N, C-alpha and C. Protein backbone atom coordinates (compact mmCIF):
# COMPACT_ATOMS: atom_id res chain seq x y z
N MET A 1 -18.06 -18.25 50.10
CA MET A 1 -17.22 -17.11 50.46
C MET A 1 -18.08 -15.86 50.58
N LYS A 2 -17.91 -15.14 51.69
CA LYS A 2 -18.70 -13.95 51.93
C LYS A 2 -17.86 -12.70 51.66
N PHE A 3 -18.53 -11.67 51.15
CA PHE A 3 -17.87 -10.39 50.88
C PHE A 3 -18.54 -9.29 51.68
N SER A 4 -17.74 -8.35 52.12
CA SER A 4 -18.33 -7.18 52.76
C SER A 4 -18.97 -6.31 51.68
N TYR A 5 -19.79 -5.37 52.10
CA TYR A 5 -20.46 -4.48 51.15
C TYR A 5 -19.43 -3.69 50.33
N ARG A 6 -18.36 -3.24 50.99
CA ARG A 6 -17.33 -2.46 50.29
C ARG A 6 -16.60 -3.34 49.27
N GLU A 7 -16.30 -4.61 49.65
CA GLU A 7 -15.64 -5.52 48.71
C GLU A 7 -16.54 -5.83 47.52
N PHE A 8 -17.84 -5.96 47.80
CA PHE A 8 -18.80 -6.24 46.73
C PHE A 8 -18.85 -5.09 45.74
N LEU A 9 -18.88 -3.85 46.23
CA LEU A 9 -18.89 -2.68 45.35
C LEU A 9 -17.63 -2.63 44.50
N GLY A 10 -16.50 -2.96 45.11
CA GLY A 10 -15.24 -2.95 44.38
C GLY A 10 -15.24 -3.95 43.23
N LEU A 11 -15.77 -5.14 43.51
CA LEU A 11 -15.86 -6.16 42.46
C LEU A 11 -16.76 -5.72 41.33
N MET A 12 -17.89 -5.10 41.66
CA MET A 12 -18.83 -4.64 40.63
C MET A 12 -18.23 -3.55 39.77
N LEU A 13 -17.49 -2.63 40.39
CA LEU A 13 -16.83 -1.56 39.63
C LEU A 13 -15.78 -2.12 38.69
N SER A 14 -15.02 -3.10 39.16
CA SER A 14 -14.00 -3.72 38.32
C SER A 14 -14.64 -4.42 37.13
N PHE A 15 -15.76 -5.11 37.40
CA PHE A 15 -16.46 -5.81 36.32
C PHE A 15 -17.00 -4.84 35.29
N ALA A 16 -17.53 -3.69 35.76
CA ALA A 16 -18.07 -2.69 34.85
C ALA A 16 -16.98 -2.12 33.95
N CYS A 17 -15.80 -1.89 34.52
CA CYS A 17 -14.69 -1.36 33.73
C CYS A 17 -14.26 -2.36 32.66
N MET A 18 -14.24 -3.65 33.03
CA MET A 18 -13.85 -4.67 32.06
C MET A 18 -14.85 -4.75 30.93
N CYS A 19 -16.12 -4.61 31.25
CA CYS A 19 -17.16 -4.70 30.23
C CYS A 19 -17.16 -3.51 29.30
N SER A 20 -16.62 -2.38 29.75
CA SER A 20 -16.63 -1.17 28.92
C SER A 20 -15.58 -1.22 27.84
N LEU A 21 -14.65 -2.19 27.92
CA LEU A 21 -13.63 -2.34 26.89
C LEU A 21 -14.09 -3.35 25.85
N THR A 22 -13.81 -3.07 24.58
CA THR A 22 -14.18 -3.96 23.51
C THR A 22 -12.96 -4.35 22.72
N ALA A 23 -12.98 -5.54 22.16
CA ALA A 23 -11.85 -6.00 21.36
C ALA A 23 -12.19 -5.92 19.89
N ASN A 24 -11.26 -5.45 19.07
CA ASN A 24 -11.50 -5.40 17.64
C ASN A 24 -11.17 -6.74 17.01
N ALA A 25 -11.22 -6.79 15.65
CA ALA A 25 -11.05 -8.06 14.95
C ALA A 25 -9.65 -8.65 15.15
N PHE A 26 -8.69 -7.80 15.55
CA PHE A 26 -7.34 -8.27 15.75
C PHE A 26 -7.06 -8.60 17.22
N GLY A 27 -8.13 -8.54 18.05
CA GLY A 27 -7.96 -8.86 19.44
C GLY A 27 -7.40 -7.72 20.27
N GLN A 28 -7.25 -6.54 19.64
CA GLN A 28 -6.73 -5.39 20.38
C GLN A 28 -7.86 -4.74 21.17
N VAL A 29 -7.57 -4.33 22.37
CA VAL A 29 -8.59 -3.71 23.20
C VAL A 29 -8.67 -2.22 22.89
N ASN A 30 -9.86 -1.76 22.56
CA ASN A 30 -10.08 -0.36 22.25
C ASN A 30 -10.68 0.36 23.44
N ALA A 31 -10.52 1.68 23.44
CA ALA A 31 -11.13 2.48 24.49
C ALA A 31 -12.65 2.47 24.30
N PRO A 32 -13.41 2.60 25.39
CA PRO A 32 -14.86 2.65 25.26
C PRO A 32 -15.29 3.90 24.52
N PRO A 33 -16.53 3.93 23.96
CA PRO A 33 -17.00 5.12 23.25
C PRO A 33 -16.85 6.37 24.10
N GLY A 34 -16.39 7.44 23.47
CA GLY A 34 -16.22 8.69 24.20
C GLY A 34 -14.85 8.84 24.82
N LYS A 35 -14.01 7.80 24.70
CA LYS A 35 -12.68 7.85 25.31
C LYS A 35 -11.58 7.60 24.29
N LEU A 36 -11.86 7.92 23.02
CA LEU A 36 -10.89 7.68 21.97
C LEU A 36 -9.67 8.57 22.15
N GLU A 37 -8.50 7.93 22.17
CA GLU A 37 -7.26 8.67 22.38
C GLU A 37 -6.22 8.29 21.33
N VAL A 38 -5.14 9.06 21.28
CA VAL A 38 -4.04 8.76 20.37
C VAL A 38 -3.51 7.36 20.68
N GLY A 39 -3.32 6.55 19.64
CA GLY A 39 -2.86 5.19 19.82
C GLY A 39 -3.98 4.16 19.73
N ASP A 40 -5.23 4.61 19.90
CA ASP A 40 -6.37 3.70 19.80
C ASP A 40 -6.69 3.40 18.34
N SER A 41 -7.34 2.27 18.11
CA SER A 41 -7.86 1.97 16.78
C SER A 41 -9.07 2.86 16.52
N ALA A 42 -9.09 3.48 15.36
CA ALA A 42 -10.21 4.37 15.04
C ALA A 42 -11.47 3.55 14.79
N PRO A 43 -12.62 4.06 15.18
CA PRO A 43 -13.86 3.33 14.94
C PRO A 43 -14.22 3.35 13.46
N ALA A 44 -14.80 2.27 12.98
CA ALA A 44 -15.34 2.25 11.62
C ALA A 44 -16.67 3.00 11.63
N PHE A 45 -16.95 3.73 10.56
CA PHE A 45 -18.20 4.49 10.52
C PHE A 45 -18.68 4.68 9.09
N THR A 46 -19.96 4.92 8.96
CA THR A 46 -20.59 5.19 7.67
C THR A 46 -21.50 6.40 7.82
N ALA A 47 -21.72 7.10 6.73
CA ALA A 47 -22.62 8.26 6.73
C ALA A 47 -22.91 8.63 5.28
N LYS A 48 -23.89 9.49 5.09
CA LYS A 48 -24.17 10.00 3.74
C LYS A 48 -23.21 11.15 3.43
N ASP A 49 -22.68 11.13 2.21
CA ASP A 49 -21.80 12.22 1.81
C ASP A 49 -22.62 13.36 1.20
N ASP A 50 -21.92 14.37 0.69
CA ASP A 50 -22.61 15.56 0.18
C ASP A 50 -23.33 15.31 -1.15
N GLN A 51 -23.23 14.09 -1.67
CA GLN A 51 -24.00 13.72 -2.85
C GLN A 51 -25.16 12.79 -2.50
N GLY A 52 -25.32 12.54 -1.19
CA GLY A 52 -26.39 11.66 -0.74
C GLY A 52 -26.05 10.18 -0.86
N LYS A 53 -24.78 9.88 -1.14
CA LYS A 53 -24.35 8.49 -1.27
C LYS A 53 -23.73 7.99 0.03
N GLY A 54 -23.74 6.68 0.22
CA GLY A 54 -23.14 6.10 1.41
C GLY A 54 -21.62 6.18 1.36
N TRP A 55 -21.03 6.60 2.45
CA TRP A 55 -19.57 6.73 2.55
C TRP A 55 -19.10 5.84 3.70
N LYS A 56 -18.08 5.01 3.45
CA LYS A 56 -17.58 4.07 4.47
C LYS A 56 -16.10 4.34 4.76
N SER A 57 -15.77 4.47 6.01
CA SER A 57 -14.37 4.70 6.38
C SER A 57 -13.50 3.51 6.00
N THR A 58 -14.08 2.31 5.99
CA THR A 58 -13.31 1.11 5.69
C THR A 58 -12.82 1.08 4.23
N ASP A 59 -13.41 1.92 3.39
CA ASP A 59 -12.94 2.01 2.00
C ASP A 59 -11.64 2.80 1.89
N TYR A 60 -11.26 3.49 2.97
CA TYR A 60 -10.09 4.37 2.92
C TYR A 60 -8.98 3.96 3.89
N VAL A 61 -9.36 3.48 5.06
CA VAL A 61 -8.35 3.09 6.05
C VAL A 61 -7.51 1.95 5.48
N GLY A 62 -6.20 2.10 5.58
CA GLY A 62 -5.29 1.12 5.01
C GLY A 62 -4.74 1.54 3.67
N LYS A 63 -5.44 2.50 3.04
CA LYS A 63 -5.01 2.99 1.73
C LYS A 63 -4.49 4.42 1.80
N LYS A 64 -5.08 5.20 2.69
CA LYS A 64 -4.72 6.60 2.80
C LYS A 64 -4.63 7.02 4.27
N VAL A 65 -3.99 8.15 4.51
CA VAL A 65 -4.08 8.79 5.82
C VAL A 65 -5.42 9.53 5.82
N LEU A 66 -6.22 9.29 6.83
CA LEU A 66 -7.57 9.84 6.87
C LEU A 66 -7.67 10.95 7.91
N VAL A 67 -8.07 12.13 7.46
CA VAL A 67 -8.33 13.25 8.36
C VAL A 67 -9.83 13.37 8.53
N VAL A 68 -10.29 13.26 9.76
CA VAL A 68 -11.72 13.40 10.06
C VAL A 68 -11.87 14.61 10.97
N TYR A 69 -12.44 15.67 10.43
CA TYR A 69 -12.59 16.86 11.27
C TYR A 69 -14.08 17.17 11.48
N PHE A 70 -14.43 17.32 12.74
CA PHE A 70 -15.80 17.64 13.14
C PHE A 70 -15.91 19.15 13.34
N TYR A 71 -17.00 19.72 12.89
CA TYR A 71 -17.18 21.17 13.02
C TYR A 71 -18.66 21.48 13.30
N PRO A 72 -18.94 22.64 13.87
CA PRO A 72 -20.31 22.94 14.30
C PRO A 72 -21.36 23.09 13.20
N ALA A 73 -21.09 23.92 12.18
CA ALA A 73 -22.17 24.23 11.23
C ALA A 73 -21.65 24.78 9.91
N ASP A 74 -22.30 24.38 8.84
CA ASP A 74 -21.99 24.92 7.51
C ASP A 74 -22.26 26.42 7.44
N LEU A 75 -21.45 27.09 6.62
CA LEU A 75 -21.66 28.51 6.30
C LEU A 75 -21.67 29.43 7.52
N THR A 76 -20.87 29.08 8.53
CA THR A 76 -20.65 29.98 9.66
C THR A 76 -19.18 30.41 9.64
N GLY A 77 -18.86 31.45 10.37
CA GLY A 77 -17.55 32.08 10.28
C GLY A 77 -16.35 31.17 10.41
N GLY A 78 -16.17 30.59 11.61
CA GLY A 78 -15.00 29.75 11.86
C GLY A 78 -14.99 28.51 10.98
N CYS A 79 -16.15 27.93 10.77
CA CYS A 79 -16.24 26.70 9.97
C CYS A 79 -15.89 26.97 8.50
N THR A 80 -16.24 28.16 8.03
CA THR A 80 -15.89 28.52 6.66
C THR A 80 -14.38 28.72 6.53
N LYS A 81 -13.77 29.37 7.51
CA LYS A 81 -12.31 29.56 7.48
C LYS A 81 -11.59 28.22 7.51
N GLN A 82 -12.08 27.31 8.33
CA GLN A 82 -11.47 25.98 8.44
C GLN A 82 -11.59 25.22 7.11
N ALA A 83 -12.78 25.21 6.54
CA ALA A 83 -13.01 24.50 5.28
C ALA A 83 -12.19 25.11 4.14
N CYS A 84 -12.13 26.42 4.08
CA CYS A 84 -11.36 27.07 3.01
C CYS A 84 -9.86 26.82 3.16
N GLY A 85 -9.40 26.66 4.39
CA GLY A 85 -8.01 26.30 4.62
C GLY A 85 -7.69 24.94 4.04
N PHE A 86 -8.57 23.97 4.27
CA PHE A 86 -8.39 22.65 3.69
C PHE A 86 -8.49 22.71 2.17
N ARG A 87 -9.43 23.50 1.68
CA ARG A 87 -9.56 23.66 0.22
C ARG A 87 -8.27 24.17 -0.40
N ASP A 88 -7.70 25.18 0.20
CA ASP A 88 -6.49 25.81 -0.36
C ASP A 88 -5.26 24.91 -0.25
N ASP A 89 -5.23 24.03 0.74
CA ASP A 89 -4.08 23.14 0.93
C ASP A 89 -4.32 21.74 0.36
N MET A 90 -5.44 21.57 -0.37
CA MET A 90 -5.82 20.22 -0.80
C MET A 90 -4.80 19.57 -1.71
N LYS A 91 -4.18 20.31 -2.61
CA LYS A 91 -3.19 19.70 -3.50
C LYS A 91 -2.02 19.14 -2.71
N LYS A 92 -1.57 19.87 -1.69
CA LYS A 92 -0.47 19.40 -0.85
C LYS A 92 -0.88 18.14 -0.08
N LEU A 93 -2.10 18.16 0.43
CA LEU A 93 -2.59 17.02 1.20
C LEU A 93 -2.77 15.79 0.32
N GLN A 94 -3.34 15.98 -0.84
CA GLN A 94 -3.53 14.86 -1.76
C GLN A 94 -2.19 14.31 -2.22
N GLY A 95 -1.20 15.19 -2.36
CA GLY A 95 0.14 14.76 -2.74
C GLY A 95 0.78 13.86 -1.71
N GLU A 96 0.30 13.96 -0.47
CA GLU A 96 0.79 13.10 0.63
C GLU A 96 -0.16 11.93 0.88
N ASN A 97 -1.07 11.68 -0.06
CA ASN A 97 -2.02 10.57 0.04
C ASN A 97 -2.94 10.71 1.25
N VAL A 98 -3.44 11.92 1.45
CA VAL A 98 -4.33 12.22 2.57
C VAL A 98 -5.75 12.43 2.06
N GLU A 99 -6.72 11.83 2.73
CA GLU A 99 -8.13 12.02 2.43
C GLU A 99 -8.74 12.84 3.56
N VAL A 100 -9.35 13.97 3.21
CA VAL A 100 -9.95 14.86 4.20
C VAL A 100 -11.47 14.71 4.19
N ILE A 101 -12.03 14.53 5.38
CA ILE A 101 -13.47 14.39 5.53
C ILE A 101 -13.96 15.38 6.59
N GLY A 102 -14.88 16.24 6.21
CA GLY A 102 -15.51 17.14 7.17
C GLY A 102 -16.83 16.56 7.63
N VAL A 103 -17.11 16.62 8.93
CA VAL A 103 -18.33 16.02 9.48
C VAL A 103 -19.07 17.02 10.35
N SER A 104 -20.35 17.21 10.08
CA SER A 104 -21.17 18.08 10.95
C SER A 104 -22.58 17.53 11.00
N GLY A 105 -23.41 18.14 11.82
CA GLY A 105 -24.80 17.72 11.95
C GLY A 105 -25.70 18.27 10.86
N ASP A 106 -25.10 18.88 9.85
CA ASP A 106 -25.88 19.44 8.74
C ASP A 106 -26.39 18.35 7.80
N SER A 107 -27.39 18.70 7.02
CA SER A 107 -27.98 17.78 6.04
C SER A 107 -27.14 17.73 4.77
N VAL A 108 -27.45 16.76 3.93
CA VAL A 108 -26.79 16.66 2.63
C VAL A 108 -27.00 17.96 1.84
N ARG A 109 -28.21 18.48 1.86
CA ARG A 109 -28.53 19.72 1.15
C ARG A 109 -27.68 20.89 1.66
N ASN A 110 -27.55 21.01 2.98
CA ASN A 110 -26.71 22.07 3.55
C ASN A 110 -25.28 21.95 3.03
N HIS A 111 -24.76 20.74 3.03
CA HIS A 111 -23.40 20.51 2.56
C HIS A 111 -23.24 20.92 1.09
N GLN A 112 -24.26 20.64 0.29
CA GLN A 112 -24.20 21.00 -1.11
C GLN A 112 -24.12 22.52 -1.28
N LEU A 113 -24.89 23.24 -0.49
CA LEU A 113 -24.86 24.70 -0.53
C LEU A 113 -23.51 25.23 -0.07
N PHE A 114 -22.97 24.65 0.99
CA PHE A 114 -21.68 25.05 1.54
C PHE A 114 -20.57 24.85 0.51
N LYS A 115 -20.56 23.69 -0.12
CA LYS A 115 -19.53 23.38 -1.11
C LYS A 115 -19.64 24.30 -2.32
N LYS A 116 -20.85 24.56 -2.75
CA LYS A 116 -21.05 25.42 -3.92
C LYS A 116 -20.61 26.85 -3.63
N GLU A 117 -20.98 27.35 -2.46
CA GLU A 117 -20.69 28.74 -2.10
C GLU A 117 -19.19 28.99 -2.00
N HIS A 118 -18.43 28.00 -1.52
CA HIS A 118 -16.99 28.21 -1.28
C HIS A 118 -16.10 27.29 -2.11
N ASP A 119 -16.68 26.66 -3.11
CA ASP A 119 -15.91 25.82 -4.05
C ASP A 119 -15.05 24.80 -3.30
N LEU A 120 -15.64 24.10 -2.35
CA LEU A 120 -14.90 23.13 -1.55
C LEU A 120 -14.61 21.87 -2.36
N ASN A 121 -13.41 21.35 -2.21
CA ASN A 121 -12.95 20.25 -3.05
C ASN A 121 -12.67 18.96 -2.26
N PHE A 122 -13.45 18.73 -1.23
CA PHE A 122 -13.32 17.51 -0.44
C PHE A 122 -14.69 17.12 0.09
N THR A 123 -14.79 15.93 0.64
CA THR A 123 -16.08 15.35 1.04
C THR A 123 -16.56 15.87 2.39
N LEU A 124 -17.84 16.14 2.46
CA LEU A 124 -18.51 16.49 3.72
C LEU A 124 -19.53 15.40 4.02
N LEU A 125 -19.59 14.98 5.28
CA LEU A 125 -20.53 13.95 5.69
C LEU A 125 -21.64 14.53 6.55
N ALA A 126 -22.86 14.05 6.30
CA ALA A 126 -24.03 14.49 7.06
C ALA A 126 -24.22 13.58 8.27
N ASP A 127 -23.99 14.12 9.45
CA ASP A 127 -24.11 13.36 10.70
C ASP A 127 -25.24 13.98 11.53
N GLU A 128 -26.43 13.95 10.98
CA GLU A 128 -27.55 14.69 11.57
C GLU A 128 -27.97 14.19 12.94
N ASP A 129 -27.75 12.90 13.21
CA ASP A 129 -28.12 12.37 14.53
C ASP A 129 -26.92 12.28 15.48
N GLY A 130 -25.74 12.71 14.99
CA GLY A 130 -24.55 12.70 15.84
C GLY A 130 -23.93 11.34 16.04
N GLY A 131 -24.35 10.34 15.28
CA GLY A 131 -23.84 8.99 15.47
C GLY A 131 -22.35 8.85 15.26
N VAL A 132 -21.83 9.52 14.23
CA VAL A 132 -20.39 9.45 13.96
C VAL A 132 -19.61 10.17 15.05
N ALA A 133 -20.09 11.37 15.41
CA ALA A 133 -19.43 12.14 16.46
C ALA A 133 -19.34 11.35 17.76
N LYS A 134 -20.40 10.63 18.10
CA LYS A 134 -20.41 9.85 19.34
C LYS A 134 -19.35 8.76 19.32
N LYS A 135 -19.12 8.16 18.16
CA LYS A 135 -18.10 7.11 18.06
C LYS A 135 -16.71 7.65 18.37
N PHE A 136 -16.51 8.93 18.05
CA PHE A 136 -15.22 9.56 18.30
C PHE A 136 -15.16 10.28 19.65
N GLY A 137 -16.27 10.29 20.35
CA GLY A 137 -16.32 10.96 21.65
C GLY A 137 -16.42 12.46 21.56
N VAL A 138 -16.86 12.96 20.40
CA VAL A 138 -16.96 14.41 20.21
C VAL A 138 -18.21 14.95 20.92
N PRO A 139 -18.06 15.98 21.74
CA PRO A 139 -19.21 16.55 22.45
C PRO A 139 -20.25 17.11 21.47
N LEU A 140 -21.52 16.95 21.83
CA LEU A 140 -22.62 17.41 20.99
C LEU A 140 -23.55 18.33 21.77
N LYS A 141 -24.08 19.30 21.06
CA LYS A 141 -25.14 20.16 21.60
C LYS A 141 -26.34 20.05 20.67
N ALA A 142 -27.41 20.71 21.05
CA ALA A 142 -28.61 20.70 20.22
C ALA A 142 -28.33 21.34 18.86
N GLY A 143 -29.12 20.96 17.87
CA GLY A 143 -28.98 21.54 16.54
C GLY A 143 -29.54 22.95 16.49
N GLY A 144 -29.73 23.45 15.29
CA GLY A 144 -30.25 24.81 15.14
C GLY A 144 -30.42 25.16 13.68
N SER A 145 -30.77 26.40 13.43
CA SER A 145 -30.98 26.87 12.06
C SER A 145 -30.31 28.22 11.86
N ILE A 146 -29.84 28.44 10.65
CA ILE A 146 -29.31 29.75 10.26
C ILE A 146 -29.87 30.09 8.88
N LYS A 147 -29.89 31.36 8.57
CA LYS A 147 -30.34 31.81 7.24
C LYS A 147 -29.16 32.43 6.52
N ARG A 148 -28.99 32.09 5.26
CA ARG A 148 -27.93 32.62 4.44
C ARG A 148 -28.48 32.92 3.05
N THR A 149 -27.95 33.96 2.41
CA THR A 149 -28.32 34.27 1.04
C THR A 149 -27.29 33.68 0.10
N ILE A 150 -27.74 32.78 -0.76
CA ILE A 150 -26.86 32.09 -1.70
C ILE A 150 -27.43 32.24 -3.10
N ASP A 151 -26.63 32.78 -4.01
CA ASP A 151 -27.08 33.05 -5.38
C ASP A 151 -28.34 33.90 -5.39
N GLY A 152 -28.39 34.88 -4.47
CA GLY A 152 -29.51 35.80 -4.42
C GLY A 152 -30.78 35.24 -3.81
N LYS A 153 -30.71 34.03 -3.28
CA LYS A 153 -31.88 33.39 -2.68
C LYS A 153 -31.61 33.10 -1.22
N GLU A 154 -32.58 33.44 -0.37
CA GLU A 154 -32.40 33.15 1.06
C GLU A 154 -32.65 31.67 1.32
N GLU A 155 -31.70 31.05 1.99
CA GLU A 155 -31.78 29.64 2.33
C GLU A 155 -31.77 29.47 3.83
N THR A 156 -32.55 28.53 4.34
CA THR A 156 -32.53 28.17 5.75
C THR A 156 -31.82 26.84 5.90
N LEU A 157 -30.75 26.86 6.67
CA LEU A 157 -29.96 25.65 6.89
C LEU A 157 -30.21 25.16 8.32
N THR A 158 -30.83 24.01 8.42
CA THR A 158 -31.15 23.42 9.72
C THR A 158 -30.28 22.19 9.94
N ARG A 159 -29.65 22.10 11.11
CA ARG A 159 -28.80 20.95 11.43
C ARG A 159 -29.40 20.19 12.61
N GLY A 160 -29.17 18.87 12.60
CA GLY A 160 -29.73 18.02 13.64
C GLY A 160 -29.04 18.16 14.98
N VAL A 161 -27.71 18.26 14.96
CA VAL A 161 -26.91 18.42 16.17
C VAL A 161 -25.79 19.41 15.86
N THR A 162 -25.15 19.90 16.91
CA THR A 162 -24.01 20.80 16.76
C THR A 162 -22.81 20.16 17.43
N ALA A 163 -21.83 19.76 16.63
CA ALA A 163 -20.64 19.08 17.15
C ALA A 163 -19.57 20.08 17.55
N ALA A 164 -18.73 19.68 18.49
CA ALA A 164 -17.58 20.50 18.86
C ALA A 164 -16.55 20.42 17.73
N ARG A 165 -15.66 21.40 17.68
CA ARG A 165 -14.64 21.43 16.63
C ARG A 165 -13.42 20.61 17.07
N TRP A 166 -13.43 19.34 16.68
CA TRP A 166 -12.34 18.42 16.99
C TRP A 166 -11.81 17.83 15.69
N THR A 167 -10.51 17.58 15.64
CA THR A 167 -9.90 16.99 14.45
C THR A 167 -9.09 15.75 14.82
N PHE A 168 -9.23 14.71 14.00
CA PHE A 168 -8.49 13.47 14.19
C PHE A 168 -7.72 13.13 12.92
N VAL A 169 -6.54 12.53 13.10
CA VAL A 169 -5.78 11.98 11.98
C VAL A 169 -5.62 10.48 12.24
N ILE A 170 -5.97 9.68 11.23
CA ILE A 170 -5.91 8.22 11.32
C ILE A 170 -4.88 7.73 10.31
N ASP A 171 -3.90 6.97 10.76
CA ASP A 171 -2.85 6.51 9.84
C ASP A 171 -3.33 5.29 9.04
N LYS A 172 -2.45 4.78 8.18
CA LYS A 172 -2.84 3.68 7.30
C LYS A 172 -3.05 2.38 8.05
N ASN A 173 -2.64 2.33 9.29
CA ASN A 173 -2.88 1.14 10.12
C ASN A 173 -4.19 1.25 10.90
N GLY A 174 -4.91 2.34 10.66
CA GLY A 174 -6.18 2.53 11.34
C GLY A 174 -6.05 3.04 12.76
N LYS A 175 -4.88 3.57 13.10
CA LYS A 175 -4.65 4.09 14.45
C LYS A 175 -4.81 5.62 14.48
N VAL A 176 -5.33 6.12 15.58
CA VAL A 176 -5.42 7.56 15.78
C VAL A 176 -4.02 8.08 16.13
N VAL A 177 -3.49 8.95 15.28
CA VAL A 177 -2.14 9.49 15.53
C VAL A 177 -2.19 10.96 15.95
N MET A 178 -3.37 11.58 15.81
CA MET A 178 -3.55 12.94 16.31
C MET A 178 -4.99 13.15 16.72
N LYS A 179 -5.16 13.78 17.88
CA LYS A 179 -6.48 14.18 18.35
C LYS A 179 -6.35 15.61 18.85
N ASN A 180 -7.04 16.53 18.18
CA ASN A 180 -6.96 17.94 18.56
C ASN A 180 -8.33 18.41 19.01
N THR A 181 -8.45 18.73 20.29
CA THR A 181 -9.73 19.20 20.83
C THR A 181 -9.75 20.71 21.02
N LYS A 182 -8.66 21.36 20.61
CA LYS A 182 -8.57 22.83 20.71
C LYS A 182 -8.14 23.39 19.37
N VAL A 183 -8.93 23.09 18.36
CA VAL A 183 -8.60 23.44 16.98
C VAL A 183 -8.70 24.94 16.75
N LYS A 184 -7.67 25.47 16.09
CA LYS A 184 -7.73 26.84 15.58
C LYS A 184 -8.21 26.73 14.14
N ALA A 185 -9.44 27.14 13.91
CA ALA A 185 -10.12 26.86 12.64
C ALA A 185 -9.30 27.22 11.41
N ALA A 186 -8.78 28.42 11.37
CA ALA A 186 -8.07 28.89 10.17
C ALA A 186 -6.75 28.18 9.95
N ASP A 187 -6.19 27.58 11.01
CA ASP A 187 -4.86 26.95 10.92
C ASP A 187 -4.91 25.43 10.90
N ASP A 188 -6.09 24.85 10.87
CA ASP A 188 -6.20 23.40 11.02
C ASP A 188 -5.47 22.64 9.91
N SER A 189 -5.63 23.07 8.67
CA SER A 189 -5.00 22.35 7.57
C SER A 189 -3.48 22.39 7.68
N LYS A 190 -2.92 23.50 8.15
CA LYS A 190 -1.47 23.62 8.32
C LYS A 190 -0.99 22.65 9.40
N ALA A 191 -1.77 22.54 10.48
CA ALA A 191 -1.42 21.62 11.56
C ALA A 191 -1.43 20.18 11.06
N ILE A 192 -2.37 19.86 10.18
CA ILE A 192 -2.46 18.51 9.64
C ILE A 192 -1.25 18.21 8.76
N LEU A 193 -0.84 19.17 7.95
CA LEU A 193 0.33 18.97 7.09
C LEU A 193 1.57 18.68 7.93
N GLU A 194 1.70 19.33 9.08
CA GLU A 194 2.84 19.08 9.96
C GLU A 194 2.80 17.65 10.48
N VAL A 195 1.62 17.19 10.86
CA VAL A 195 1.48 15.82 11.37
C VAL A 195 1.81 14.81 10.28
N VAL A 196 1.33 15.06 9.07
CA VAL A 196 1.59 14.15 7.96
C VAL A 196 3.08 14.06 7.66
N ASN A 197 3.76 15.19 7.71
CA ASN A 197 5.21 15.21 7.49
C ASN A 197 5.94 14.41 8.57
N GLN A 198 5.44 14.47 9.80
CA GLN A 198 6.06 13.72 10.89
C GLN A 198 5.87 12.21 10.70
N LEU A 199 4.73 11.83 10.11
CA LEU A 199 4.47 10.42 9.88
C LEU A 199 5.47 9.83 8.88
N LYS A 200 5.96 10.66 7.97
CA LYS A 200 6.92 10.18 6.96
C LYS A 200 8.30 9.94 7.54
N SER A 201 8.63 10.69 8.61
CA SER A 201 9.99 10.60 9.16
C SER A 201 10.16 9.42 10.12
């Protein structure tokens, strides 16, 4: 059987699209990397937490509602407002069995300084190479450095990559139930509480 050049291109494009889809352990077809949408199965991921220990999403999915929020950099204006919002609403979130995880391209050391400076009461993950962000399709830019004075000492905080400010909510079935790519930093925790309340109804 012979194909025209146009028919051949069409077949190749169709094959490429089929190959870009992957099936999870339950046989469900997930969106390709970078195309994660509401209703998709959330990707499993691991990273170092702010104590330098390994953190696995699989330890939480199925047990809690998981909030994964990506942000550009520790100890910067909008990111501090966002983190402090989650800190202040943490009792309400924990009361709804919600686990909050902040992810940026900062190092473990940067996260430790950030948590100490603002008394943050939730886990921060170090995604210095952007591997976790890529699994969620979060846009990345080059890293950078900032200087901050903490406890009277000047500190230089260098991050490997700079992630866009995106927030995801993953339900106990491991499905993405919210994807926010236009996050208002100071109001993010309030928006999450609304989503969690909707999940109960």
